[in-house]
Amino acid sequence: MMLPMSFSVEEKSRIAAAVLDDFVEVVAADDFGYPMEAEDSVPTARAKMFGLGICMALVALILAKFLDIS
């Protein structure tokens, strides 16, 4: 069984560490604004869900009236 030379292992580990470091920087820079965007979209989503709930209740009442379920 042959083992790799120590300088080969060190070189590959340095390359892997540099790639991982670059990847972390890119991900951190890309997702920096995500929490602020998510926080800004909550009121809009809440209003849409409230409106959808009201619309579904009205549709249910209309269906109940036409189908004489009540």
N, C-alpha and C. Protein backbone atom coordinates (compact mmCIF):
# COMPACT_ATOMS: atom_id res chain seq x y z
N MET A 1 0.84 -1.17 0.00
CA MET A 1 0.00 0.00 0.00
C MET A 1 0.89 1.24 0.00
N MET A 2 0.53 2.20 -0.86
CA MET A 2 1.33 3.41 -0.95
C MET A 2 0.56 4.57 -0.35
N LEU A 3 1.22 5.37 0.43
CA LEU A 3 0.62 6.56 1.03
C LEU A 3 1.03 7.79 0.23
N PRO A 4 0.16 8.82 0.15
CA PRO A 4 0.54 10.03 -0.58
C PRO A 4 1.64 10.78 0.15
N MET A 5 2.38 11.53 -0.60
CA MET A 5 3.46 12.32 -0.02
C MET A 5 2.85 13.42 0.85
N SER A 6 3.54 13.81 1.89
CA SER A 6 3.00 14.79 2.83
C SER A 6 2.76 16.14 2.16
N PHE A 7 3.63 16.55 1.24
CA PHE A 7 3.42 17.85 0.59
C PHE A 7 2.17 17.80 -0.31
N SER A 8 1.86 16.66 -0.88
CA SER A 8 0.66 16.52 -1.69
C SER A 8 -0.60 16.67 -0.83
N VAL A 9 -0.58 16.07 0.34
CA VAL A 9 -1.71 16.17 1.26
C VAL A 9 -1.87 17.61 1.74
N GLU A 10 -0.76 18.27 2.08
CA GLU A 10 -0.82 19.65 2.54
C GLU A 10 -1.34 20.59 1.44
N GLU A 11 -0.90 20.38 0.22
CA GLU A 11 -1.33 21.23 -0.89
C GLU A 11 -2.84 21.08 -1.14
N LYS A 12 -3.30 19.84 -1.14
CA LYS A 12 -4.73 19.60 -1.37
C LYS A 12 -5.58 20.14 -0.23
N SER A 13 -5.09 20.05 0.98
CA SER A 13 -5.86 20.59 2.11
C SER A 13 -5.90 22.10 2.08
N ARG A 14 -4.81 22.75 1.65
CA ARG A 14 -4.80 24.21 1.49
C ARG A 14 -5.80 24.65 0.42
N ILE A 15 -5.82 23.92 -0.69
CA ILE A 15 -6.76 24.24 -1.77
C ILE A 15 -8.20 24.07 -1.29
N ALA A 16 -8.45 22.98 -0.60
CA ALA A 16 -9.80 22.72 -0.08
C ALA A 16 -10.22 23.80 0.92
N ALA A 17 -9.31 24.22 1.78
CA ALA A 17 -9.62 25.27 2.75
C ALA A 17 -9.91 26.60 2.06
N ALA A 18 -9.15 26.91 1.01
CA ALA A 18 -9.37 28.16 0.27
C ALA A 18 -10.72 28.14 -0.45
N VAL A 19 -11.06 27.01 -1.05
CA VAL A 19 -12.34 26.89 -1.74
C VAL A 19 -13.49 27.01 -0.74
N LEU A 20 -13.38 26.36 0.39
CA LEU A 20 -14.41 26.45 1.42
C LEU A 20 -14.55 27.88 1.94
N ASP A 21 -13.45 28.56 2.14
CA ASP A 21 -13.48 29.94 2.61
C ASP A 21 -14.16 30.85 1.59
N ASP A 22 -13.84 30.67 0.31
CA ASP A 22 -14.50 31.45 -0.74
C ASP A 22 -16.00 31.17 -0.79
N PHE A 23 -16.36 29.91 -0.64
CA PHE A 23 -17.76 29.51 -0.67
C PHE A 23 -18.53 30.17 0.48
N VAL A 24 -17.96 30.15 1.66
CA VAL A 24 -18.61 30.76 2.83
C VAL A 24 -18.77 32.26 2.62
N GLU A 25 -17.79 32.92 2.07
CA GLU A 25 -17.89 34.36 1.82
C GLU A 25 -18.98 34.68 0.81
N VAL A 26 -19.08 33.88 -0.25
CA VAL A 26 -20.09 34.11 -1.27
C VAL A 26 -21.49 33.91 -0.69
N VAL A 27 -21.67 32.84 0.07
CA VAL A 27 -22.98 32.56 0.65
C VAL A 27 -23.36 33.64 1.66
N ALA A 28 -22.42 34.06 2.48
CA ALA A 28 -22.69 35.09 3.48
C ALA A 28 -23.04 36.42 2.81
N ALA A 29 -22.34 36.77 1.74
CA ALA A 29 -22.62 38.03 1.05
C ALA A 29 -23.95 37.97 0.31
N ASP A 30 -24.29 36.79 -0.22
CA ASP A 30 -25.52 36.65 -1.00
C ASP A 30 -26.75 36.67 -0.10
N ASP A 31 -26.69 36.08 1.06
CA ASP A 31 -27.84 35.95 1.93
C ASP A 31 -27.91 37.02 3.02
N PHE A 32 -27.12 38.06 2.92
CA PHE A 32 -27.10 39.07 3.97
C PHE A 32 -28.43 39.81 4.06
N GLY A 33 -29.05 40.10 2.93
CA GLY A 33 -30.29 40.86 2.93
C GLY A 33 -31.54 40.02 3.11
N TYR A 34 -31.41 38.70 3.14
CA TYR A 34 -32.58 37.84 3.22
C TYR A 34 -33.44 38.08 4.46
N PRO A 35 -32.88 38.18 5.67
CA PRO A 35 -33.74 38.41 6.84
C PRO A 35 -34.53 39.72 6.74
N MET A 36 -33.92 40.75 6.21
CA MET A 36 -34.63 42.03 6.08
C MET A 36 -35.76 41.92 5.05
N GLU A 37 -35.51 41.22 3.94
CA GLU A 37 -36.55 41.04 2.92
C GLU A 37 -37.70 40.21 3.48
N ALA A 38 -37.38 39.18 4.24
CA ALA A 38 -38.42 38.34 4.82
C ALA A 38 -39.24 39.13 5.83
N GLU A 39 -38.59 39.94 6.61
CA GLU A 39 -39.29 40.75 7.61
C GLU A 39 -40.22 41.76 6.94
N ASP A 40 -39.79 42.31 5.81
CA ASP A 40 -40.61 43.29 5.10
C ASP A 40 -41.82 42.65 4.42
N SER A 41 -41.74 41.38 4.06
CA SER A 41 -42.83 40.74 3.34
C SER A 41 -43.89 40.14 4.26
N VAL A 42 -43.66 40.10 5.56
CA VAL A 42 -44.62 39.49 6.48
C VAL A 42 -45.97 40.23 6.50
N PRO A 43 -46.03 41.55 6.60
CA PRO A 43 -47.34 42.21 6.62
C PRO A 43 -48.15 41.96 5.34
N THR A 44 -47.48 41.95 4.21
CA THR A 44 -48.17 41.69 2.95
C THR A 44 -48.75 40.29 2.92
N ALA A 45 -47.96 39.32 3.33
CA ALA A 45 -48.43 37.94 3.35
C ALA A 45 -49.58 37.77 4.34
N ARG A 46 -49.49 38.42 5.47
CA ARG A 46 -50.55 38.34 6.47
C ARG A 46 -51.86 38.92 5.92
N ALA A 47 -51.78 40.05 5.23
CA ALA A 47 -52.97 40.67 4.65
C ALA A 47 -53.57 39.79 3.56
N LYS A 48 -52.72 39.17 2.74
CA LYS A 48 -53.23 38.28 1.70
C LYS A 48 -53.93 37.07 2.30
N MET A 49 -53.37 36.51 3.34
CA MET A 49 -53.99 35.34 3.98
C MET A 49 -55.31 35.72 4.64
N PHE A 50 -55.39 36.90 5.24
CA PHE A 50 -56.65 37.37 5.84
C PHE A 50 -57.72 37.55 4.77
N GLY A 51 -57.35 38.16 3.65
CA GLY A 51 -58.28 38.34 2.55
C GLY A 51 -58.74 37.02 1.96
N LEU A 52 -57.82 36.09 1.83
CA LEU A 52 -58.17 34.76 1.32
C LEU A 52 -59.14 34.05 2.26
N GLY A 53 -58.93 34.19 3.55
CA GLY A 53 -59.84 33.59 4.53
C GLY A 53 -61.24 34.16 4.44
N ILE A 54 -61.33 35.47 4.29
CA ILE A 54 -62.64 36.12 4.15
C ILE A 54 -63.33 35.67 2.86
N CYS A 55 -62.58 35.62 1.79
CA CYS A 55 -63.15 35.17 0.51
C CYS A 55 -63.65 33.74 0.59
N MET A 56 -62.90 32.87 1.23
CA MET A 56 -63.31 31.47 1.37
C MET A 56 -64.56 31.36 2.23
N ALA A 57 -64.67 32.17 3.27
CA ALA A 57 -65.87 32.15 4.11
C ALA A 57 -67.08 32.61 3.32
N LEU A 58 -66.92 33.65 2.49
CA LEU A 58 -68.03 34.12 1.65
C LEU A 58 -68.45 33.07 0.64
N VAL A 59 -67.49 32.41 0.03
CA VAL A 59 -67.80 31.34 -0.93
C VAL A 59 -68.54 30.21 -0.22
N ALA A 60 -68.11 29.86 0.97
CA ALA A 60 -68.79 28.80 1.72
C ALA A 60 -70.22 29.20 2.05
N LEU A 61 -70.44 30.45 2.45
CA LEU A 61 -71.81 30.92 2.74
C LEU A 61 -72.69 30.91 1.49
N ILE A 62 -72.14 31.35 0.37
CA ILE A 62 -72.90 31.36 -0.88
C ILE A 62 -73.25 29.93 -1.29
N LEU A 63 -72.30 29.01 -1.22
CA LEU A 63 -72.57 27.62 -1.55
C LEU A 63 -73.61 27.03 -0.62
N ALA A 64 -73.52 27.34 0.65
CA ALA A 64 -74.49 26.82 1.62
C ALA A 64 -75.90 27.35 1.30
N LYS A 65 -75.97 28.61 0.87
CA LYS A 65 -77.28 29.21 0.54
C LYS A 65 -77.88 28.54 -0.71
N PHE A 66 -77.04 28.37 -1.75
CA PHE A 66 -77.56 27.77 -2.98
C PHE A 66 -77.82 26.28 -2.87
N LEU A 67 -77.08 25.60 -2.03
CA LEU A 67 -77.27 24.16 -1.90
C LEU A 67 -78.21 23.81 -0.73
N ASP A 68 -78.71 24.81 -0.04
CA ASP A 68 -79.62 24.63 1.10
C ASP A 68 -79.06 23.68 2.14
N ILE A 69 -77.80 23.86 2.50
CA ILE A 69 -77.16 23.01 3.51
C ILE A 69 -77.48 23.54 4.91
N SER A 70 -77.66 24.82 5.05
CA SER A 70 -77.84 25.41 6.39
C SER A 70 -79.15 25.10 7.03
